[in-house]
Protein backbone atom coordinates (compact mmCIF):
# COMPACT_ATOMS: atom_id res chain seq x y z
CA UNK A 1 97.76 192.58 55.57
CA UNK A 2 96.18 189.45 56.60
CA UNK A 3 92.21 189.29 56.02
CA UNK A 4 91.20 185.82 57.09
CA UNK A 5 91.62 184.14 60.26
CA UNK A 6 92.98 181.18 58.45
CA UNK A 7 95.86 183.41 57.83
CA UNK A 8 96.84 183.52 61.81
CA UNK A 9 99.02 180.81 63.44
CA UNK A 10 96.97 178.75 66.56
CA UNK A 11 99.60 180.85 68.96
CA UNK A 12 98.69 184.11 67.61
CA UNK A 13 94.68 183.75 67.48
CA UNK A 14 95.16 182.27 71.24
CA UNK A 15 97.18 185.14 72.27
CA UNK A 16 94.58 187.46 70.73
CA UNK A 17 91.52 185.52 72.36
CA UNK A 18 93.71 186.12 75.98
CA UNK A 19 94.11 189.82 75.16
CA UNK A 20 90.60 190.37 74.47
CA UNK A 21 89.22 188.57 77.38
CA UNK A 22 91.66 190.44 79.60
CA UNK A 23 90.59 193.74 78.20
CA UNK A 24 86.89 193.23 78.16
CA UNK A 25 85.05 193.96 81.38
CA UNK A 26 83.61 191.23 83.42
CA UNK A 27 79.53 191.11 82.90
CA UNK A 28 77.57 190.80 85.88
CA UNK A 29 74.63 189.20 85.86
CA UNK A 30 71.72 188.52 88.41
CA UNK A 31 70.77 185.17 89.01
CA UNK A 32 66.96 183.87 87.94
CA UNK A 33 66.72 182.44 91.37
CA UNK A 34 67.78 183.62 94.27
CA UNK A 35 67.72 181.96 98.02
CA UNK A 36 67.49 184.76 100.37
CA UNK A 37 68.03 182.67 103.46
CA UNK A 38 71.62 184.12 104.00
CA UNK A 39 70.34 187.76 104.11
CA UNK A 40 67.62 186.48 106.26
CA UNK A 41 70.06 184.78 108.84
CA UNK A 42 72.78 188.35 108.55
CA UNK A 43 69.62 190.78 109.44
CA UNK A 44 68.72 188.18 112.50
CA UNK A 45 72.09 187.93 113.66
CA UNK A 46 72.71 191.64 113.30
CA UNK A 47 69.41 192.72 115.12
CA UNK A 48 69.82 189.91 117.86
CA UNK A 49 73.16 191.54 118.76
CA UNK A 50 71.55 195.11 118.81
CA UNK A 51 68.87 193.52 121.19
CA UNK A 52 71.07 191.73 123.42
CA UNK A 53 74.14 194.10 123.90
CA UNK A 54 72.22 197.43 123.09
CA UNK A 55 74.23 198.47 119.90
CA UNK A 56 74.96 197.56 116.45
CA UNK A 57 77.77 195.19 115.46
CA UNK A 58 80.61 196.69 114.01
CA UNK A 59 80.16 196.61 110.11
CA UNK A 60 76.44 195.27 110.11
CA UNK A 61 75.53 197.49 107.24
CA UNK A 62 78.39 196.20 105.26
CA UNK A 63 77.60 192.75 106.34
CA UNK A 64 74.14 192.99 104.93
CA UNK A 65 75.52 194.87 101.74
CA UNK A 66 77.55 191.94 101.10
CA UNK A 67 74.83 189.67 101.61
CA UNK A 68 72.59 190.84 99.75
CA UNK A 69 75.11 191.66 96.55
CA UNK A 70 76.44 187.97 96.83
CA UNK A 71 72.93 186.60 97.24
CA UNK A 72 71.87 188.39 93.94
CA UNK A 73 74.75 188.02 91.84
CA UNK A 74 76.31 185.03 93.52
CA UNK A 75 79.56 184.86 95.51
CA UNK A 76 81.94 185.16 92.63
CA UNK A 77 80.62 188.82 92.31
CA UNK A 78 83.41 189.93 94.50
CA UNK A 79 86.14 188.74 91.98
CA UNK A 80 84.54 190.38 89.21
CA UNK A 81 84.20 193.58 91.62
CA UNK A 82 87.57 193.57 92.31
CA UNK A 83 88.41 193.12 88.84
CA UNK A 84 86.98 196.44 88.04
CA UNK A 85 87.95 198.53 90.77
CA UNK A 86 92.00 197.25 90.32
């Protein structure tokens, strides 16, 4: 049994690192500073459509959800979510 990292080849260490990175669930961290303008724009567009047309746009609630999550966590959050739900 090998007890020291120096007893492994570079290829073995790289393979182990890759295995661990692929096995570990991605970490989602909210942003420290958030720009809410995209959420604001989504809300205004949806309500404007409702007022002008008498009905809510299809998937409006989903658009708002995606806008909020993307704003708080960044657009790359969807890559993380897709990895978690595959």
